[in-house]
Amino acid sequence: MVVLQSGSNGNCVYVEAGGIRLLVDAGISGLQAQRRLACHGVDIRQVDALLISHDHRDHIRCLGVLQRKFGIPAYITEKTLAVAEEFYPLGRLGKLFFFQPGQVLHLGDLAVQTIPTPHDAVEGVGFVLDDGVHRLGILTDLGHPFPELRRLIHSLDAVLLESNYDPQMLQNGPYPDWLKRRIRGPRGHLSNHEAAQLLRCALGGRLQWACLGHLSENNNSPEIVLQTHQHVLEGRLPLAVASRYEASEMFCLDQRPPG
């Protein structure tokens, strides 16, 4: 897995699993995606599919560009596409495959479980990729720690998990009250402590590492994220933090991630 970018300024993740090459979300430009993948020796034209998690701009705005420029087929829900086309100029789209939240997608030997989320999108989902040996979760924009999350994360070998905000920074920060309520509400984002508690429940299981993503620019920092998680997890889980501005290292299973 390579996190090409993670945050409200754009999200895109590259994953190789089960002989399939995937992009998850289309929140960065085609040129950015192409160049950042090339730094890892990956030709974007060899990507087999693009998965779209929900209709927010930072996850879908470059769907049309990635399709037109590189011919990547996309998997998306019909309602997500309808809302996105109403608000964003996606342009002409190529090959689309529609799924229902909760459906399992079969891409070659790879099974992709779509996990309905309570985030404030029309049909938001997270993804679990299962190649028959390992299970990787791409879980951001989750709303709140809904009951299934704890069990789900315990079943994973690795996870990209949102850790969006520090409650004190949010409370004391410049955002208007309505936006603060939205972020910490049941359809918003996970705080650092909420994310850390979810990971704590998976300690002692199969989870090898976690990459923490979708950090708020104004209400969080990589240093605070790591400090919170290391305190809650007592240093018992290898952690990395995804950047809002550049690609991560290549994270692999059966090894500890950089950082």
Protein backbone atom coordinates (compact mmCIF):
# COMPACT_ATOMS: atom_id res chain seq x y z
CA MET A 1 0.00 0.00 0.00
CA VAL A 2 1.08 3.56 -0.79
CA VAL A 3 -0.97 6.46 0.55
CA LEU A 4 -0.58 8.96 -2.27
CA GLN A 5 -2.29 11.68 -0.20
CA SER A 6 -4.66 11.78 2.76
CA GLY A 7 -6.66 14.74 4.04
CA SER A 8 -9.41 17.20 3.20
CA ASN A 9 -7.22 18.54 0.38
CA GLY A 10 -7.41 15.21 -1.46
CA ASN A 11 -7.34 11.45 -0.90
CA CYS A 12 -5.93 8.61 -2.98
CA VAL A 13 -4.46 5.25 -1.95
CA TYR A 14 -2.70 2.64 -4.08
CA VAL A 15 -2.92 -1.04 -3.15
CA GLU A 16 -1.52 -4.22 -4.70
CA ALA A 17 -3.23 -7.39 -3.49
CA GLY A 18 -4.17 -10.74 -4.99
CA GLY A 19 -2.54 -9.83 -8.30
CA ILE A 20 -4.78 -6.75 -8.61
CA ARG A 21 -3.66 -3.12 -8.63
CA LEU A 22 -6.15 -0.64 -7.21
CA LEU A 23 -6.60 3.02 -6.51
CA VAL A 24 -8.97 3.92 -3.69
CA ASP A 25 -10.53 7.37 -4.19
CA ALA A 26 -9.79 10.08 -6.71
CA GLY A 27 -9.07 13.24 -4.77
CA ILE A 28 -5.76 14.17 -6.42
CA SER A 29 -4.95 15.09 -10.00
CA GLY A 30 -3.99 12.54 -12.62
CA LEU A 31 -0.55 14.09 -12.90
CA GLN A 32 0.03 13.90 -9.13
CA ALA A 33 -1.12 10.29 -9.01
CA GLN A 34 1.03 9.35 -12.00
CA ARG A 35 4.18 10.99 -10.66
CA ARG A 36 3.80 9.69 -7.12
CA LEU A 37 3.20 6.14 -8.32
CA ALA A 38 6.17 6.37 -10.69
CA CYS A 39 8.41 7.15 -7.71
CA HIS A 40 7.52 3.64 -6.49
CA GLY A 41 8.06 2.07 -9.91
CA VAL A 42 4.35 1.75 -10.66
CA ASP A 43 2.84 2.68 -14.03
CA ILE A 44 -0.61 4.15 -13.39
CA ARG A 45 -1.82 2.70 -16.69
CA GLN A 46 -1.42 -0.76 -15.17
CA VAL A 47 -3.96 0.00 -12.43
CA ASP A 48 -6.89 -2.42 -12.77
CA ALA A 49 -9.64 -0.51 -10.97
CA LEU A 50 -10.56 2.61 -9.03
CA LEU A 51 -12.79 2.35 -5.95
CA ILE A 52 -14.78 5.41 -4.80
CA SER A 53 -15.73 5.57 -1.13
CA HIS A 54 -18.19 8.49 -1.15
CA ASP A 55 -19.33 11.68 -2.83
CA HIS A 56 -17.23 14.34 -1.04
CA ARG A 57 -14.99 16.44 -3.23
CA ASP A 58 -11.71 15.37 -1.62
CA HIS A 59 -12.46 11.76 -2.60
CA ILE A 60 -14.08 12.03 -6.03
CA ARG A 61 -13.23 15.28 -7.81
CA CYS A 62 -10.69 13.70 -10.21
CA LEU A 63 -12.71 10.59 -11.09
CA GLY A 64 -13.31 11.78 -14.64
CA VAL A 65 -9.70 12.86 -15.15
CA LEU A 66 -8.29 9.51 -14.02
CA GLN A 67 -10.70 7.67 -16.29
CA ARG A 68 -10.16 9.83 -19.37
CA LYS A 69 -6.38 10.04 -19.03
CA PHE A 70 -5.61 6.48 -17.97
CA GLY A 71 -8.71 4.43 -18.83
CA ILE A 72 -9.19 3.06 -15.30
CA PRO A 73 -12.60 1.41 -14.71
CA ALA A 74 -14.32 2.67 -11.57
CA TYR A 75 -16.51 1.04 -8.92
CA ILE A 76 -19.03 3.39 -7.29
CA THR A 77 -22.58 3.42 -5.96
CA GLU A 78 -25.27 4.94 -8.19
CA LYS A 79 -26.35 7.44 -5.55
CA THR A 80 -22.76 8.53 -4.95
CA LEU A 81 -22.29 9.20 -8.65
CA ALA A 82 -25.60 11.07 -8.93
CA VAL A 83 -24.75 13.42 -6.05
CA ALA A 84 -21.19 13.98 -7.28
CA GLU A 85 -22.32 14.83 -10.82
CA GLU A 86 -24.76 17.37 -9.39
CA PHE A 87 -22.06 19.26 -7.48
CA TYR A 88 -18.75 18.69 -9.31
CA PRO A 89 -17.71 18.96 -12.97
CA LEU A 90 -16.59 15.36 -13.42
CA GLY A 91 -16.85 15.52 -17.20
CA ARG A 92 -17.18 12.51 -19.48
CA LEU A 93 -16.86 9.21 -17.62
CA GLY A 94 -15.64 5.86 -18.88
CA LYS A 95 -16.41 2.34 -17.72
CA LEU A 96 -18.37 2.29 -14.46
CA PHE A 97 -19.43 -0.62 -12.29
CA PHE A 98 -22.11 0.02 -9.67
CA PHE A 99 -22.28 -1.68 -6.29
CA GLN A 100 -24.50 -1.53 -3.22
CA PRO A 101 -23.02 -0.64 0.19
CA GLY A 102 -22.30 -3.88 1.99
CA GLN A 103 -21.72 -5.81 -1.24
CA VAL A 104 -18.54 -7.87 -1.75
CA LEU A 105 -16.77 -7.08 -5.02
CA HIS A 106 -14.74 -9.82 -6.69
CA LEU A 107 -11.77 -8.55 -8.71
CA GLY A 108 -9.81 -11.56 -9.89
CA ASP A 109 -8.69 -13.40 -6.76
CA LEU A 110 -9.26 -10.33 -4.59
CA ALA A 111 -12.43 -9.88 -2.55
CA VAL A 112 -13.32 -6.29 -1.65
CA GLN A 113 -15.81 -5.93 1.18
CA THR A 114 -17.67 -2.60 1.12
CA ILE A 115 -18.47 -1.37 4.64
CA PRO A 116 -21.39 1.10 5.01
CA THR A 117 -20.38 4.07 7.18
CA PRO A 118 -22.45 6.73 9.01
CA HIS A 119 -20.39 9.62 7.60
CA ASP A 120 -22.42 12.51 6.17
CA ALA A 121 -22.35 11.26 2.59
CA VAL A 122 -25.19 9.76 0.60
CA GLU A 123 -23.79 6.19 0.53
CA GLY A 124 -20.36 6.25 2.15
CA VAL A 125 -18.33 3.07 2.47
CA GLY A 126 -15.00 1.85 3.73
CA PHE A 127 -13.16 -1.04 2.11
CA VAL A 128 -11.58 -4.27 3.31
CA LEU A 129 -9.34 -6.02 0.77
CA ASP A 130 -8.93 -9.77 1.26
CA ASP A 131 -6.62 -11.83 -0.96
CA GLY A 132 -7.25 -15.05 0.97
CA VAL A 133 -4.13 -14.58 3.11
CA HIS A 134 -4.19 -10.99 4.36
CA ARG A 135 -6.91 -8.45 5.11
CA LEU A 136 -6.24 -4.73 4.67
CA GLY A 137 -8.72 -2.04 5.73
CA ILE A 138 -9.06 1.40 4.11
CA LEU A 139 -11.25 3.08 6.71
CA THR A 140 -11.63 6.87 6.71
CA ASP A 141 -14.56 9.30 6.93
CA LEU A 142 -16.28 6.98 9.38
CA GLY A 143 -18.71 9.25 11.22
CA HIS A 144 -18.25 7.72 14.67
CA PRO A 145 -16.93 4.45 16.16
CA PHE A 146 -20.01 2.44 15.12
CA PRO A 147 -20.29 -1.00 16.77
CA GLU A 148 -19.09 -3.08 13.82
CA LEU A 149 -15.79 -1.18 13.61
CA ARG A 150 -14.22 -2.81 16.66
CA ARG A 151 -14.91 -6.32 15.37
CA LEU A 152 -13.86 -5.37 11.85
CA ILE A 153 -10.49 -3.91 12.84
CA HIS A 154 -9.79 -6.95 15.02
CA SER A 155 -10.12 -9.07 11.85
CA LEU A 156 -7.50 -7.09 9.89
CA ASP A 157 -3.78 -7.58 9.31
CA ALA A 158 -3.26 -3.85 8.63
CA VAL A 159 -5.34 -0.72 8.38
CA LEU A 160 -5.35 2.83 7.10
CA LEU A 161 -7.53 4.42 9.77
CA GLU A 162 -8.70 8.00 10.04
CA SER A 163 -7.50 9.92 13.09
CA ASN A 164 -8.88 13.29 12.15
CA TYR A 165 -8.78 15.69 15.07
CA ASP A 166 -7.57 16.48 18.55
CA PRO A 167 -10.64 17.48 20.62
CA GLN A 168 -8.88 20.32 22.45
CA MET A 169 -7.50 21.80 19.24
CA LEU A 170 -10.93 21.60 17.64
CA GLN A 171 -12.66 23.19 20.62
CA ASN A 172 -10.16 26.06 20.87
CA GLY A 173 -9.69 26.49 17.13
CA PRO A 174 -11.10 29.02 14.62
CA TYR A 175 -13.89 26.90 13.13
CA PRO A 176 -17.49 28.13 13.57
CA ASP A 177 -19.59 26.23 16.09
CA TRP A 178 -21.71 24.48 13.43
CA LEU A 179 -18.59 23.03 11.81
CA LYS A 180 -17.17 21.90 15.15
CA ARG A 181 -20.45 20.12 15.87
CA ARG A 182 -20.39 18.47 12.46
CA ILE A 183 -16.82 17.18 12.86
CA ARG A 184 -17.29 15.68 16.32
CA GLY A 185 -20.88 14.59 15.67
CA PRO A 186 -22.11 11.10 14.76
CA ARG A 187 -21.74 11.76 11.02
CA GLY A 188 -18.36 13.50 11.15
CA HIS A 189 -14.90 12.11 11.85
CA LEU A 190 -13.00 10.09 14.44
CA SER A 191 -10.86 11.88 17.00
CA ASN A 192 -7.34 10.71 17.79
CA HIS A 193 -8.52 9.10 21.01
CA GLU A 194 -11.44 7.32 19.34
CA ALA A 195 -9.15 5.88 16.67
CA ALA A 196 -6.57 4.83 19.27
CA GLN A 197 -9.21 3.05 21.35
CA LEU A 198 -10.34 1.08 18.29
CA LEU A 199 -6.75 -0.03 17.66
CA ARG A 200 -6.26 -0.87 21.32
CA CYS A 201 -9.09 -3.39 21.11
CA ALA A 202 -7.20 -5.16 18.29
CA LEU A 203 -3.95 -5.58 20.23
CA GLY A 204 -2.95 -9.18 20.60
CA GLY A 205 -4.79 -10.16 17.42
CA ARG A 206 -3.60 -10.36 13.84
CA LEU A 207 -3.08 -6.60 13.35
CA GLN A 208 0.53 -5.98 12.30
CA TRP A 209 0.49 -2.20 11.86
CA ALA A 210 -1.71 0.84 11.37
CA CYS A 211 -1.29 3.93 9.20
CA LEU A 212 -3.15 6.94 10.59
CA GLY A 213 -4.71 9.22 8.01
CA HIS A 214 -7.12 12.01 7.10
CA LEU A 215 -5.54 14.37 9.66
CA SER A 216 -7.13 17.80 9.95
CA GLU A 217 -4.83 20.62 8.88
CA ASN A 218 -6.11 22.98 11.59
CA ASN A 219 -7.15 20.63 14.40
CA ASN A 220 -4.37 18.05 14.46
CA SER A 221 -0.71 17.38 13.74
CA PRO A 222 1.40 14.27 13.10
CA GLU A 223 3.15 14.81 16.43
CA ILE A 224 -0.09 14.97 18.42
CA VAL A 225 -1.52 11.95 16.55
CA LEU A 226 1.48 9.80 17.41
CA GLN A 227 1.64 11.04 20.99
CA THR A 228 -2.03 10.16 21.59
CA HIS A 229 -1.84 6.76 19.94
CA GLN A 230 1.41 5.77 21.58
CA HIS A 231 -0.02 6.71 24.98
CA VAL A 232 -3.21 4.68 24.48
CA LEU A 233 -1.47 1.75 22.78
CA GLU A 234 1.53 1.80 25.12
CA GLY A 235 3.87 1.42 22.14
CA ARG A 236 2.53 -2.05 21.34
CA LEU A 237 1.62 -1.42 17.67
CA PRO A 238 3.84 -0.09 14.87
CA LEU A 239 2.37 3.16 13.53
CA ALA A 240 2.84 5.46 10.58
CA VAL A 241 1.13 8.75 9.68
CA ALA A 242 -0.09 9.55 6.17
CA SER A 243 0.73 13.00 4.80
CA ARG A 244 -1.65 15.63 3.44
CA TYR A 245 0.99 16.73 0.95
CA GLU A 246 3.04 13.81 -0.36
CA ALA A 247 3.09 10.07 -0.87
CA SER A 248 4.02 7.64 1.86
CA GLU A 249 6.54 4.87 1.69
CA MET A 250 5.38 1.48 0.39
CA PHE A 251 3.76 -0.35 3.32
CA CYS A 252 3.79 -4.13 3.14
CA LEU A 253 2.34 -6.85 5.28
CA ASP A 254 4.56 -9.17 7.29
CA GLN A 255 6.91 -6.25 7.93
CA ARG A 256 6.83 -3.14 10.09
CA PRO A 257 6.01 0.13 8.32
CA PRO A 258 8.51 2.98 8.17
CA GLY A 259 8.26 5.57 10.90
